[in-house]
Amino acid sequence: FPNRLYSAGNLSFSNNQWDIILGADLRHSDGYTISEDAY
C-alpha cells in the first residue's frame, strides 16, 4: 500500500486589478484486474 494516488492543489489571489490562479493535479494508479476475461 498505496497502489492508487490522487493529489491536487490550487492557489489564487485577487484584488482590484489582479486575478491570479495556479493549480495542478496528479492521478496515479498501479492498475487493477477484476476479471481476466473482460477488458
Full PDB file with SEQRES, HELIX, SHEET, SSBOND, CRYST1, ORIGX, SCALE, CONECT and MASTER records, all heavy atoms in Angstrom:
SEQRES   1 A   39  PHE PRO ASN ARG LEU TYR SER ALA GLY ASN LEU SER PHE          
SEQRES   2 A   39  SER ASN ASN GLN TRP ASP ILE ILE LEU GLY ALA ASP LEU          
SEQRES   3 A   39  ARG HIS SER ASP GLY TYR THR ILE SER GLU ASP ALA TYR          
SHEET    1 AA1 2 ARG A   4  SER A  14  0                                        
SHEET    2 AA1 2 ASP A  19  SER A  29 -1                                        
CRYST1    1.000    1.000    1.000  90.00  90.00  90.00 P 1           1          
ORIGX1      1.000000  0.000000  0.000000        0.00000                         
ORIGX2      0.000000  1.000000  0.000000        0.00000                         
ORIGX3      0.000000  0.000000  1.000000        0.00000                         
SCALE1      1.000000  0.000000  0.000000        0.00000                         
SCALE2      0.000000  1.000000  0.000000        0.00000                         
SCALE3      0.000000  0.000000  1.000000        0.00000                         
ATOM      1  N   PHE A   1       0.849  -1.197   0.000  1.00  0.00           N  
ATOM      2  CA  PHE A   1       0.000   0.000   0.000  1.00  0.00           C  
ATOM      3  C   PHE A   1       0.889   1.254   0.000  1.00  0.00           C  
ATOM      4  O   PHE A   1       1.921   1.267   0.668  1.00  0.00           O  
ATOM      5  CB  PHE A   1      -0.867  -0.035   1.259  1.00  0.00           C  
ATOM      6  CG  PHE A   1      -1.720   1.178   1.473  1.00  0.00           C  
ATOM      7  CD1 PHE A   1      -2.979   1.256   0.919  1.00  0.00           C  
ATOM      8  CD2 PHE A   1      -1.260   2.251   2.217  1.00  0.00           C  
ATOM      9  CE1 PHE A   1      -3.774   2.368   1.126  1.00  0.00           C  
ATOM     10  CE2 PHE A   1      -2.037   3.365   2.428  1.00  0.00           C  
ATOM     11  CZ  PHE A   1      -3.297   3.423   1.887  1.00  0.00           C  
ATOM     12  N   PRO A   2       0.555   2.360  -0.712  1.00  0.00           N  
ATOM     13  CA  PRO A   2      -0.655   2.517  -1.526  1.00  0.00           C  
ATOM     14  C   PRO A   2      -0.413   2.128  -2.981  1.00  0.00           C  
ATOM     15  O   PRO A   2       0.700   2.174  -3.475  1.00  0.00           O  
ATOM     16  CB  PRO A   2      -0.922   4.022  -1.425  1.00  0.00           C  
ATOM     17  CG  PRO A   2       0.458   4.615  -1.356  1.00  0.00           C  
ATOM     18  CD  PRO A   2       1.286   3.633  -0.567  1.00  0.00           C  
ATOM     19  N   ASN A   3      -1.496   1.749  -3.680  1.00  0.00           N  
ATOM     20  CA  ASN A   3      -1.436   1.426  -5.101  1.00  0.00           C  
ATOM     21  C   ASN A   3      -2.120   2.487  -5.955  1.00  0.00           C  
ATOM     22  O   ASN A   3      -2.065   2.423  -7.173  1.00  0.00           O  
ATOM     23  CB  ASN A   3      -2.117   0.077  -5.370  1.00  0.00           C  
ATOM     24  CG  ASN A   3      -1.794  -0.967  -4.322  1.00  0.00           C  
ATOM     25  OD1 ASN A   3      -2.706  -1.468  -3.680  1.00  0.00           O  
ATOM     26  ND2 ASN A   3      -0.523  -1.272  -4.128  1.00  0.00           N  
ATOM     27  N   ARG A   4      -2.791   3.402  -5.295  1.00  0.00           N  
ATOM     28  CA  ARG A   4      -3.535   4.444  -6.019  1.00  0.00           C  
ATOM     29  C   ARG A   4      -3.326   5.772  -5.298  1.00  0.00           C  
ATOM     30  O   ARG A   4      -3.337   5.840  -4.063  1.00  0.00           O  
ATOM     31  CB  ARG A   4      -5.025   4.086  -6.052  1.00  0.00           C  
ATOM     32  CG  ARG A   4      -5.914   5.120  -6.713  1.00  0.00           C  
ATOM     33  CD  ARG A   4      -7.352   4.645  -6.755  1.00  0.00           C  
ATOM     34  NE  ARG A   4      -7.869   4.347  -5.423  1.00  0.00           N  
ATOM     35  CZ  ARG A   4      -8.342   5.278  -4.589  1.00  0.00           C  
ATOM     36  NH1 ARG A   4      -8.357   6.541  -4.949  1.00  0.00           N  
ATOM     37  NH2 ARG A   4      -8.803   4.930  -3.400  1.00  0.00           N  
ATOM     38  N   LEU A   5      -3.104   6.825  -6.079  1.00  0.00           N  
ATOM     39  CA  LEU A   5      -2.798   8.130  -5.506  1.00  0.00           C  
ATOM     40  C   LEU A   5      -3.522   9.220  -6.283  1.00  0.00           C  
ATOM     41  O   LEU A   5      -3.552   9.205  -7.516  1.00  0.00           O  
ATOM     42  CB  LEU A   5      -1.288   8.386  -5.548  1.00  0.00           C  
ATOM     43  CG  LEU A   5      -0.814   9.824  -5.272  1.00  0.00           C  
ATOM     44  CD1 LEU A   5      -1.075  10.198  -3.814  1.00  0.00           C  
ATOM     45  CD2 LEU A   5       0.666   9.976  -5.608  1.00  0.00           C  
ATOM     46  N   TYR A   6      -4.124  10.133  -5.550  1.00  0.00           N  
ATOM     47  CA  TYR A   6      -4.690  11.352  -6.135  1.00  0.00           C  
ATOM     48  C   TYR A   6      -4.263  12.526  -5.282  1.00  0.00           C  
ATOM     49  O   TYR A   6      -4.414  12.503  -4.049  1.00  0.00           O  
ATOM     50  CB  TYR A   6      -6.212  11.290  -6.199  1.00  0.00           C  
ATOM     51  CG  TYR A   6      -6.849  12.618  -6.557  1.00  0.00           C  
ATOM     52  CD1 TYR A   6      -6.824  13.096  -7.858  1.00  0.00           C  
ATOM     53  CD2 TYR A   6      -7.463  13.404  -5.577  1.00  0.00           C  
ATOM     54  CE1 TYR A   6      -7.401  14.311  -8.184  1.00  0.00           C  
ATOM     55  CE2 TYR A   6      -8.034  14.628  -5.898  1.00  0.00           C  
ATOM     56  CZ  TYR A   6      -8.001  15.070  -7.204  1.00  0.00           C  
ATOM     57  OH  TYR A   6      -8.563  16.279  -7.513  1.00  0.00           O  
ATOM     58  N   SER A   7      -3.698  13.540  -5.899  1.00  0.00           N  
ATOM     59  CA  SER A   7      -3.311  14.751  -5.183  1.00  0.00           C  
ATOM     60  C   SER A   7      -3.600  15.957  -6.058  1.00  0.00           C  
ATOM     61  O   SER A   7      -3.473  15.891  -7.285  1.00  0.00           O  
ATOM     62  CB  SER A   7      -1.819  14.715  -4.816  1.00  0.00           C  
ATOM     63  OG  SER A   7      -1.012  14.617  -5.979  1.00  0.00           O  
ATOM     64  N   ALA A   8      -4.031  17.041  -5.426  1.00  0.00           N  
ATOM     65  CA  ALA A   8      -4.384  18.252  -6.163  1.00  0.00           C  
ATOM     66  C   ALA A   8      -4.234  19.453  -5.249  1.00  0.00           C  
ATOM     67  O   ALA A   8      -4.379  19.350  -4.027  1.00  0.00           O  
ATOM     68  CB  ALA A   8      -5.812  18.166  -6.708  1.00  0.00           C  
ATOM     69  N   GLY A   9      -3.955  20.586  -5.851  1.00  0.00           N  
ATOM     70  CA  GLY A   9      -3.847  21.807  -5.079  1.00  0.00           C  
ATOM     71  C   GLY A   9      -3.974  23.025  -5.972  1.00  0.00           C  
ATOM     72  O   GLY A   9      -3.682  22.972  -7.169  1.00  0.00           O  
ATOM     73  N   ASN A  10      -4.465  24.118  -5.402  1.00  0.00           N  
ATOM     74  CA  ASN A  10      -4.519  25.364  -6.149  1.00  0.00           C  
ATOM     75  C   ASN A  10      -4.287  26.543  -5.217  1.00  0.00           C  
ATOM     76  O   ASN A  10      -4.458  26.447  -4.000  1.00  0.00           O  
ATOM     77  CB  ASN A  10      -5.849  25.512  -6.915  1.00  0.00           C  
ATOM     78  CG  ASN A  10      -7.054  25.437  -6.000  1.00  0.00           C  
ATOM     79  OD1 ASN A  10      -7.069  25.993  -4.906  1.00  0.00           O  
ATOM     80  ND2 ASN A  10      -8.087  24.723  -6.438  1.00  0.00           N  
ATOM     81  N   LEU A  11      -3.891  27.649  -5.804  1.00  0.00           N  
ATOM     82  CA  LEU A  11      -3.611  28.882  -5.082  1.00  0.00           C  
ATOM     83  C   LEU A  11      -4.156  30.030  -5.915  1.00  0.00           C  
ATOM     84  O   LEU A  11      -3.961  30.066  -7.138  1.00  0.00           O  
ATOM     85  CB  LEU A  11      -2.104  29.047  -4.865  1.00  0.00           C  
ATOM     86  CG  LEU A  11      -1.644  30.283  -4.091  1.00  0.00           C  
ATOM     87  CD1 LEU A  11      -2.100  30.203  -2.634  1.00  0.00           C  
ATOM     88  CD2 LEU A  11      -0.126  30.420  -4.164  1.00  0.00           C  
ATOM     89  N   SER A  12      -4.850  30.963  -5.274  1.00  0.00           N  
ATOM     90  CA  SER A  12      -5.433  32.076  -6.018  1.00  0.00           C  
ATOM     91  C   SER A  12      -5.259  33.380  -5.247  1.00  0.00           C  
ATOM     92  O   SER A  12      -5.131  33.384  -4.022  1.00  0.00           O  
ATOM     93  CB  SER A  12      -6.923  31.829  -6.303  1.00  0.00           C  
ATOM     94  OG  SER A  12      -7.671  31.823  -5.107  1.00  0.00           O  
ATOM     95  N   PHE A  13      -5.275  34.474  -6.013  1.00  0.00           N  
ATOM     96  CA  PHE A  13      -5.170  35.809  -5.432  1.00  0.00           C  
ATOM     97  C   PHE A  13      -5.986  36.774  -6.284  1.00  0.00           C  
ATOM     98  O   PHE A  13      -6.019  36.666  -7.510  1.00  0.00           O  
ATOM     99  CB  PHE A  13      -3.718  36.282  -5.379  1.00  0.00           C  
ATOM    100  CG  PHE A  13      -3.563  37.733  -5.007  1.00  0.00           C  
ATOM    101  CD1 PHE A  13      -3.708  38.145  -3.687  1.00  0.00           C  
ATOM    102  CD2 PHE A  13      -3.309  38.694  -5.969  1.00  0.00           C  
ATOM    103  CE1 PHE A  13      -3.578  39.479  -3.333  1.00  0.00           C  
ATOM    104  CE2 PHE A  13      -3.188  40.031  -5.643  1.00  0.00           C  
ATOM    105  CZ  PHE A  13      -3.321  40.426  -4.306  1.00  0.00           C  
ATOM    106  N   SER A  14      -6.635  37.717  -5.621  1.00  0.00           N  
ATOM    107  CA  SER A  14      -7.416  38.705  -6.348  1.00  0.00           C  
ATOM    108  C   SER A  14      -7.460  40.007  -5.561  1.00  0.00           C  
ATOM    109  O   SER A  14      -7.573  40.001  -4.327  1.00  0.00           O  
ATOM    110  CB  SER A  14      -8.844  38.190  -6.596  1.00  0.00           C  
ATOM    111  OG  SER A  14      -9.617  39.159  -7.283  1.00  0.00           O  
ATOM    112  N   ASN A  15      -7.329  41.140  -6.286  1.00  0.00           N  
ATOM    113  CA  ASN A  15      -7.559  42.461  -5.710  1.00  0.00           C  
ATOM    114  C   ASN A  15      -8.273  43.309  -6.749  1.00  0.00           C  
ATOM    115  O   ASN A  15      -8.881  42.765  -7.677  1.00  0.00           O  
ATOM    116  CB  ASN A  15      -6.257  43.105  -5.225  1.00  0.00           C  
ATOM    117  CG  ASN A  15      -5.232  43.293  -6.348  1.00  0.00           C  
ATOM    118  OD1 ASN A  15      -5.572  43.218  -7.534  1.00  0.00           O  
ATOM    119  ND2 ASN A  15      -3.976  43.519  -5.983  1.00  0.00           N  
ATOM    120  N   ASN A  16      -8.219  44.603  -6.632  1.00  0.00           N  
ATOM    121  CA  ASN A  16      -8.968  45.466  -7.547  1.00  0.00           C  
ATOM    122  C   ASN A  16      -8.450  45.403  -8.972  1.00  0.00           C  
ATOM    123  O   ASN A  16      -9.157  45.797  -9.907  1.00  0.00           O  
ATOM    124  CB  ASN A  16      -8.922  46.909  -7.049  1.00  0.00           C  
ATOM    125  CG  ASN A  16      -9.684  47.096  -5.749  1.00  0.00           C  
ATOM    126  OD1 ASN A  16     -10.644  46.359  -5.472  1.00  0.00           O  
ATOM    127  ND2 ASN A  16      -9.266  48.059  -4.931  1.00  0.00           N  
ATOM    128  N   GLN A  17      -7.204  44.936  -9.167  1.00  0.00           N  
ATOM    129  CA  GLN A  17      -6.633  44.900 -10.512  1.00  0.00           C  
ATOM    130  C   GLN A  17      -6.245  43.502 -10.968  1.00  0.00           C  
ATOM    131  O   GLN A  17      -6.480  43.132 -12.110  1.00  0.00           O  
ATOM    132  CB  GLN A  17      -5.397  45.818 -10.576  1.00  0.00           C  
ATOM    133  CG  GLN A  17      -5.729  47.307 -10.544  1.00  0.00           C  
ATOM    134  CD  GLN A  17      -4.495  48.158 -10.775  1.00  0.00           C  
ATOM    135  OE1 GLN A  17      -3.468  47.970 -10.139  1.00  0.00           O  
ATOM    136  NE2 GLN A  17      -4.588  49.097 -11.698  1.00  0.00           N  
ATOM    137  N   TRP A  18      -5.654  42.699 -10.085  1.00  0.00           N  
ATOM    138  CA  TRP A  18      -5.081  41.431 -10.492  1.00  0.00           C  
ATOM    139  C   TRP A  18      -5.948  40.239 -10.076  1.00  0.00           C  
ATOM    140  O   TRP A  18      -6.522  40.225  -9.006  1.00  0.00           O  
ATOM    141  CB  TRP A  18      -3.688  41.246  -9.889  1.00  0.00           C  
ATOM    142  CG  TRP A  18      -2.643  42.108 -10.513  1.00  0.00           C  
ATOM    143  CD1 TRP A  18      -2.160  43.303 -10.038  1.00  0.00           C  
ATOM    144  CD2 TRP A  18      -1.946  41.852 -11.734  1.00  0.00           C  
ATOM    145  NE1 TRP A  18      -1.204  43.800 -10.887  1.00  0.00           N  
ATOM    146  CE2 TRP A  18      -1.047  42.926 -11.940  1.00  0.00           C  
ATOM    147  CE3 TRP A  18      -1.982  40.819 -12.675  1.00  0.00           C  
ATOM    148  CZ2 TRP A  18      -0.203  42.992 -13.041  1.00  0.00           C  
ATOM    149  CZ3 TRP A  18      -1.145  40.879 -13.779  1.00  0.00           C  
ATOM    150  CH2 TRP A  18      -0.267  41.955 -13.953  1.00  0.00           C  
ATOM    151  N   ASP A  19      -6.016  39.232 -10.977  1.00  0.00           N  
ATOM    152  CA  ASP A  19      -6.592  37.920 -10.685  1.00  0.00           C  
ATOM    153  C   ASP A  19      -5.554  36.873 -11.071  1.00  0.00           C  
ATOM    154  O   ASP A  19      -5.100  36.838 -12.226  1.00  0.00           O  
ATOM    155  CB  ASP A  19      -7.882  37.672 -11.479  1.00  0.00           C  
ATOM    156  CG  ASP A  19      -9.033  38.533 -10.998  1.00  0.00           C  
ATOM    157  OD1 ASP A  19      -9.027  38.910  -9.819  1.00  0.00           O  
ATOM    158  OD2 ASP A  19      -9.932  38.822 -11.814  1.00  0.00           O  
ATOM    159  N   ILE A  20      -5.186  36.024 -10.114  1.00  0.00           N  
ATOM    160  CA  ILE A  20      -4.170  35.007 -10.358  1.00  0.00           C  
ATOM    161  C   ILE A  20      -4.682  33.662  -9.839  1.00  0.00           C  
ATOM    162  O   ILE A  20      -5.166  33.571  -8.711  1.00  0.00           O  
ATOM    163  CB  ILE A  20      -2.835  35.351  -9.670  1.00  0.00           C  
ATOM    164  CG1 ILE A  20      -2.329  36.725 -10.133  1.00  0.00           C  
ATOM    165  CG2 ILE A  20      -1.788  34.282  -9.947  1.00  0.00           C  
ATOM    166  CD1 ILE A  20      -1.100  37.196  -9.382  1.00  0.00           C  
ATOM    167  N   ILE A  21      -4.580  32.625 -10.677  1.00  0.00           N  
ATOM    168  CA  ILE A  21      -4.963  31.264 -10.288  1.00  0.00           C  
ATOM    169  C   ILE A  21      -3.877  30.304 -10.752  1.00  0.00           C  
ATOM    170  O   ILE A  21      -3.457  30.344 -11.915  1.00  0.00           O  
ATOM    171  CB  ILE A  21      -6.315  30.846 -10.889  1.00  0.00           C  
ATOM    172  CG1 ILE A  21      -7.421  31.825 -10.510  1.00  0.00           C  
ATOM    173  CG2 ILE A  21      -6.684  29.442 -10.425  1.00  0.00           C  
ATOM    174  CD1 ILE A  21      -8.751  31.496 -11.164  1.00  0.00           C  
ATOM    175  N   LEU A  22      -3.427  29.442  -9.860  1.00  0.00           N  
ATOM    176  CA  LEU A  22      -2.419  28.442 -10.181  1.00  0.00           C  
ATOM    177  C   LEU A  22      -2.867  27.115  -9.587  1.00  0.00           C  
ATOM    178  O   LEU A  22      -3.246  27.057  -8.411  1.00  0.00           O  
ATOM    179  CB  LEU A  22      -1.062  28.841  -9.601  1.00  0.00           C  
ATOM    180  CG  LEU A  22       0.087  27.831  -9.728  1.00  0.00           C  
ATOM    181  CD1 LEU A  22       0.436  27.617 -11.195  1.00  0.00           C  
ATOM    182  CD2 LEU A  22       1.302  28.303  -8.948  1.00  0.00           C  
ATOM    183  N   GLY A  23      -2.857  26.043 -10.390  1.00  0.00           N  
ATOM    184  CA  GLY A  23      -3.311  24.758  -9.879  1.00  0.00           C  
ATOM    185  C   GLY A  23      -2.719  23.591 -10.644  1.00  0.00           C  
ATOM    186  O   GLY A  23      -2.270  23.731 -11.791  1.00  0.00           O  
ATOM    187  N   ALA A  24      -2.711  22.421 -10.004  1.00  0.00           N  
ATOM    188  CA  ALA A  24      -2.217  21.195 -10.633  1.00  0.00           C  
ATOM    189  C   ALA A  24      -2.795  19.992  -9.911  1.00  0.00           C  
ATOM    190  O   ALA A  24      -3.172  20.076  -8.742  1.00  0.00           O  
ATOM    191  CB  ALA A  24      -0.690  21.148 -10.607  1.00  0.00           C  
ATOM    192  N   ASP A  25      -2.874  18.869 -10.630  1.00  0.00           N  
ATOM    193  CA  ASP A  25      -3.302  17.630 -10.000  1.00  0.00           C  
ATOM    194  C   ASP A  25      -2.568  16.456 -10.628  1.00  0.00           C  
ATOM    195  O   ASP A  25      -2.010  16.552 -11.725  1.00  0.00           O  
ATOM    196  CB  ASP A  25      -4.822  17.446 -10.084  1.00  0.00           C  
ATOM    197  CG  ASP A  25      -5.276  16.912 -11.437  1.00  0.00           C  
ATOM    198  OD1 ASP A  25      -4.556  17.148 -12.428  1.00  0.00           O  
ATOM    199  OD2 ASP A  25      -6.330  16.278 -11.511  1.00  0.00           O  
ATOM    200  N   LEU A  26      -2.547  15.327  -9.897  1.00  0.00           N  
ATOM    201  CA  LEU A  26      -1.897  14.101 -10.356  1.00  0.00           C  
ATOM    202  C   LEU A  26      -2.773  12.923  -9.970  1.00  0.00           C  
ATOM    203  O   LEU A  26      -3.191  12.796  -8.812  1.00  0.00           O  
ATOM    204  CB  LEU A  26      -0.514  13.945  -9.725  1.00  0.00           C  
ATOM    205  CG  LEU A  26       0.207  12.611  -9.990  1.00  0.00           C  
ATOM    206  CD1 LEU A  26       0.534  12.474 -11.469  1.00  0.00           C  
ATOM    207  CD2 LEU A  26       1.467  12.507  -9.152  1.00  0.00           C  
ATOM    208  N   ARG A  27      -3.067  12.056 -10.943  1.00  0.00           N  
ATOM    209  CA  ARG A  27      -3.826  10.836 -10.710  1.00  0.00           C  
ATOM    210  C   ARG A  27      -2.962   9.652 -11.133  1.00  0.00           C  
ATOM    211  O   ARG A  27      -2.628   9.521 -12.310  1.00  0.00           O  
ATOM    212  CB  ARG A  27      -5.127  10.862 -11.518  1.00  0.00           C  
ATOM    213  CG  ARG A  27      -6.159  11.872 -11.033  1.00  0.00           C  
ATOM    214  CD  ARG A  27      -7.189  12.188 -12.110  1.00  0.00           C  
ATOM    215  NE  ARG A  27      -6.690  13.209 -13.032  1.00  0.00           N  
ATOM    216  CZ  ARG A  27      -7.094  13.324 -14.298  1.00  0.00           C  
ATOM    217  NH1 ARG A  27      -7.964  12.468 -14.788  1.00  0.00           N  
ATOM    218  NH2 ARG A  27      -6.605  14.275 -15.065  1.00  0.00           N  
ATOM    219  N   HIS A  28      -2.581   8.828 -10.167  1.00  0.00           N  
ATOM    220  CA  HIS A  28      -1.669   7.706 -10.445  1.00  0.00           C  
ATOM    221  C   HIS A  28      -2.259   6.403  -9.922  1.00  0.00           C  
ATOM    222  O   HIS A  28      -2.883   6.368  -8.858  1.00  0.00           O  
ATOM    223  CB  HIS A  28      -0.311   7.958  -9.785  1.00  0.00           C  
ATOM    224  CG  HIS A  28       0.687   6.865 -10.061  1.00  0.00           C  
ATOM    225  ND1 HIS A  28       0.770   5.721  -9.290  1.00  0.00           N  
ATOM    226  CD2 HIS A  28       1.627   6.739 -11.020  1.00  0.00           C  
ATOM    227  CE1 HIS A  28       1.722   4.942  -9.776  1.00  0.00           C  
ATOM    228  NE2 HIS A  28       2.256   5.528 -10.819  1.00  0.00           N  
ATOM    229  N   SER A  29      -2.057   5.330 -10.673  1.00  0.00           N  
ATOM    230  CA  SER A  29      -2.550   4.011 -10.265  1.00  0.00           C  
ATOM    231  C   SER A  29      -1.590   2.937 -10.752  1.00  0.00           C  
ATOM    232  O   SER A  29      -0.976   3.080 -11.827  1.00  0.00           O  
ATOM    233  CB  SER A  29      -3.951   3.758 -10.824  1.00  0.00           C  
ATOM    234  OG  SER A  29      -4.384   2.433 -10.545  1.00  0.00           O  
ATOM    235  N   ASP A  30      -1.457   1.868  -9.976  1.00  0.00           N  
ATOM    236  CA  ASP A  30      -0.670   0.707 -10.394  1.00  0.00           C  
ATOM    237  C   ASP A  30      -1.493  -0.264 -11.229  1.00  0.00           C  
ATOM    238  O   ASP A  30      -0.983  -1.301 -11.653  1.00  0.00           O  
ATOM    239  CB  ASP A  30      -0.121  -0.030  -9.168  1.00  0.00           C  
ATOM    240  CG  ASP A  30       0.981   0.752  -8.479  1.00  0.00           C  
ATOM    241  OD1 ASP A  30       1.604   1.606  -9.138  1.00  0.00           O  
ATOM    242  OD2 ASP A  30       1.217   0.521  -7.280  1.00  0.00           O  
ATOM    243  N   GLY A  31      -2.764   0.041 -11.455  1.00  0.00           N  
ATOM    244  CA  GLY A  31      -3.629  -0.820 -12.251  1.00  0.00           C  
ATOM    245  C   GLY A  31      -4.316  -1.876 -11.418  1.00  0.00           C  
ATOM    246  O   GLY A  31      -3.889  -2.213 -10.311  1.00  0.00           O  
ATOM    247  N   TYR A  32      -5.445  -2.401 -11.947  1.00  0.00           N  
ATOM    248  CA  TYR A  32      -6.186  -3.445 -11.249  1.00  0.00           C  
ATOM    249  C   TYR A  32      -6.772  -4.410 -12.270  1.00  0.00           C  
ATOM    250  O   TYR A  32      -6.946  -4.080 -13.453  1.00  0.00           O  
ATOM    251  CB  TYR A  32      -7.307  -2.848 -10.398  1.00  0.00           C  
ATOM    252  CG  TYR A  32      -8.333  -2.055 -11.181  1.00  0.00           C  
ATOM    253  CD1 TYR A  32      -9.434  -2.684 -11.759  1.00  0.00           C  
ATOM    254  CD2 TYR A  32      -8.195  -0.684 -11.350  1.00  0.00           C  
ATOM    255  CE1 TYR A  32     -10.369  -1.969 -12.495  1.00  0.00           C  
ATOM    256  CE2 TYR A  32      -9.122   0.039 -12.074  1.00  0.00           C  
ATOM    257  CZ  TYR A  32     -10.207  -0.602 -12.645  1.00  0.00           C  
ATOM    258  OH  TYR A  32     -11.118   0.107 -13.375  1.00  0.00           O  
ATOM    259  N   THR A  33      -7.069  -5.615 -11.826  1.00  0.00           N  
ATOM    260  CA  THR A  33      -7.687  -6.635 -12.670  1.00  0.00           C  
ATOM    261  C   THR A  33      -8.808  -7.288 -11.875  1.00  0.00           C  
ATOM    262  O   THR A  33      -8.559  -8.076 -10.959  1.00  0.00           O  
ATOM    263  CB  THR A  33      -6.671  -7.701 -13.105  1.00  0.00           C  
ATOM    264  OG1 THR A  33      -5.604  -7.072 -13.820  1.00  0.00           O  
ATOM    265  CG2 THR A  33      -7.337  -8.729 -14.014  1.00  0.00           C  
ATOM    266  N   ILE A  34     -10.036  -6.943 -12.204  1.00  0.00           N  
ATOM    267  CA  ILE A  34     -11.195  -7.559 -11.553  1.00  0.00           C  
ATOM    268  C   ILE A  34     -11.532  -8.889 -12.221  1.00  0.00           C  
ATOM    269  O   ILE A  34     -11.887  -9.860 -11.569  1.00  0.00           O  
ATOM    270  CB  ILE A  34     -12.397  -6.599 -11.593  1.00  0.00           C  
ATOM    271  CG1 ILE A  34     -12.053  -5.313 -10.823  1.00  0.00           C  
ATOM    272  CG2 ILE A  34     -13.639  -7.254 -11.016  1.00  0.00           C  
ATOM    273  CD1 ILE A  34     -13.139  -4.281 -10.870  1.00  0.00           C  
ATOM    274  N   SER A  35     -11.404  -8.929 -13.554  1.00  0.00           N  
ATOM    275  CA  SER A  35     -11.674 -10.154 -14.299  1.00  0.00           C  
ATOM    276  C   SER A  35     -10.694 -10.239 -15.469  1.00  0.00           C  
ATOM    277  O   SER A  35     -10.496  -9.256 -16.188  1.00  0.00           O  
ATOM    278  CB  SER A  35     -13.114 -10.182 -14.807  1.00  0.00           C  
ATOM    279  OG  SER A  35     -13.320 -11.281 -15.690  1.00  0.00           O  
ATOM    280  N   GLU A  36     -10.102 -11.410 -15.673  1.00  0.00           N  
ATOM    281  CA  GLU A  36      -9.179 -11.616 -16.784  1.00  0.00           C  
ATOM    282  C   GLU A  36      -9.909 -11.702 -18.118  1.00  0.00           C  
ATOM    283  O   GLU A  36      -9.300 -11.550 -19.179  1.00  0.00           O  
ATOM    284  CB  GLU A  36      -8.367 -12.898 -16.559  1.00  0.00           C  
ATOM    285  CG  GLU A  36      -7.486 -12.885 -15.330  1.00  0.00           C  
ATOM    286  CD  GLU A  36      -6.243 -12.025 -15.506  1.00  0.00           C  
ATOM    287  OE1 GLU A  36      -6.021 -11.556 -16.645  1.00  0.00           O  
ATOM    288  OE2 GLU A  36      -5.516 -11.822 -14.522  1.00  0.00           O  
ATOM    289  N   ASP A  37     -11.206 -11.944 -18.077  1.00  0.00           N  
ATOM    290  CA  ASP A  37     -11.962 -12.202 -19.300  1.00  0.00           C  
ATOM    291  C   ASP A  37     -12.625 -10.961 -19.885  1.00  0.00           C  
ATOM    292  O   ASP A  37     -13.234 -11.043 -20.937  1.00  0.00           O  
ATOM    293  CB  ASP A  37     -13.035 -13.266 -19.036  1.00  0.00           C  
ATOM    294  CG  ASP A  37     -12.433 -14.575 -18.565  1.00  0.00           C  
ATOM    295  OD1 ASP A  37     -11.327 -14.909 -19.029  1.00  0.00           O  
ATOM    296  OD2 ASP A  37     -13.062 -15.241 -17.710  1.00  0.00           O  
ATOM    297  N   ALA A  38     -12.552  -9.837 -19.179  1.00  0.00           N  
ATOM    298  CA  ALA A  38     -13.257  -8.630 -19.654  1.00  0.00           C  
ATOM    299  C   ALA A  38     -12.321  -7.440 -19.559  1.00  0.00           C  
ATOM    300  O   ALA A  38     -11.868  -7.094 -18.467  1.00  0.00           O  
ATOM    301  CB  ALA A  38     -14.524  -8.390 -18.830  1.00  0.00           C  
ATOM    302  N   TYR A  39     -12.035  -6.799 -20.704  1.00  0.00           N  
ATOM    303  CA  TYR A  39     -11.094  -5.685 -20.714  1.00  0.00           C  
ATOM    304  C   TYR A  39     -11.634  -4.495 -19.927  1.00  0.00           C  
ATOM    305  O   TYR A  39     -10.870  -3.731 -19.338  1.00  0.00           O  
ATOM    306  CB  TYR A  39     -10.785  -5.261 -22.154  1.00  0.00           C  
ATOM    307  CG  TYR A  39     -11.904  -4.517 -22.845  1.00  0.00           C  
ATOM    308  CD1 TYR A  39     -11.987  -3.130 -22.805  1.00  0.00           C  
ATOM    309  CD2 TYR A  39     -12.889  -5.206 -23.536  1.00  0.00           C  
ATOM    310  CE1 TYR A  39     -13.013  -2.452 -23.439  1.00  0.00           C  
ATOM    311  CE2 TYR A  39     -13.918  -4.540 -24.165  1.00  0.00           C  
ATOM    312  CZ  TYR A  39     -13.974  -3.165 -24.117  1.00  0.00           C  
ATOM    313  OH  TYR A  39     -14.994  -2.500 -24.741  1.00  0.00           O  
TER     314      TYR A  39                                                      
MASTER        0    0    0    0    2    0    0    6  313    1    0    3          
END                                                                             
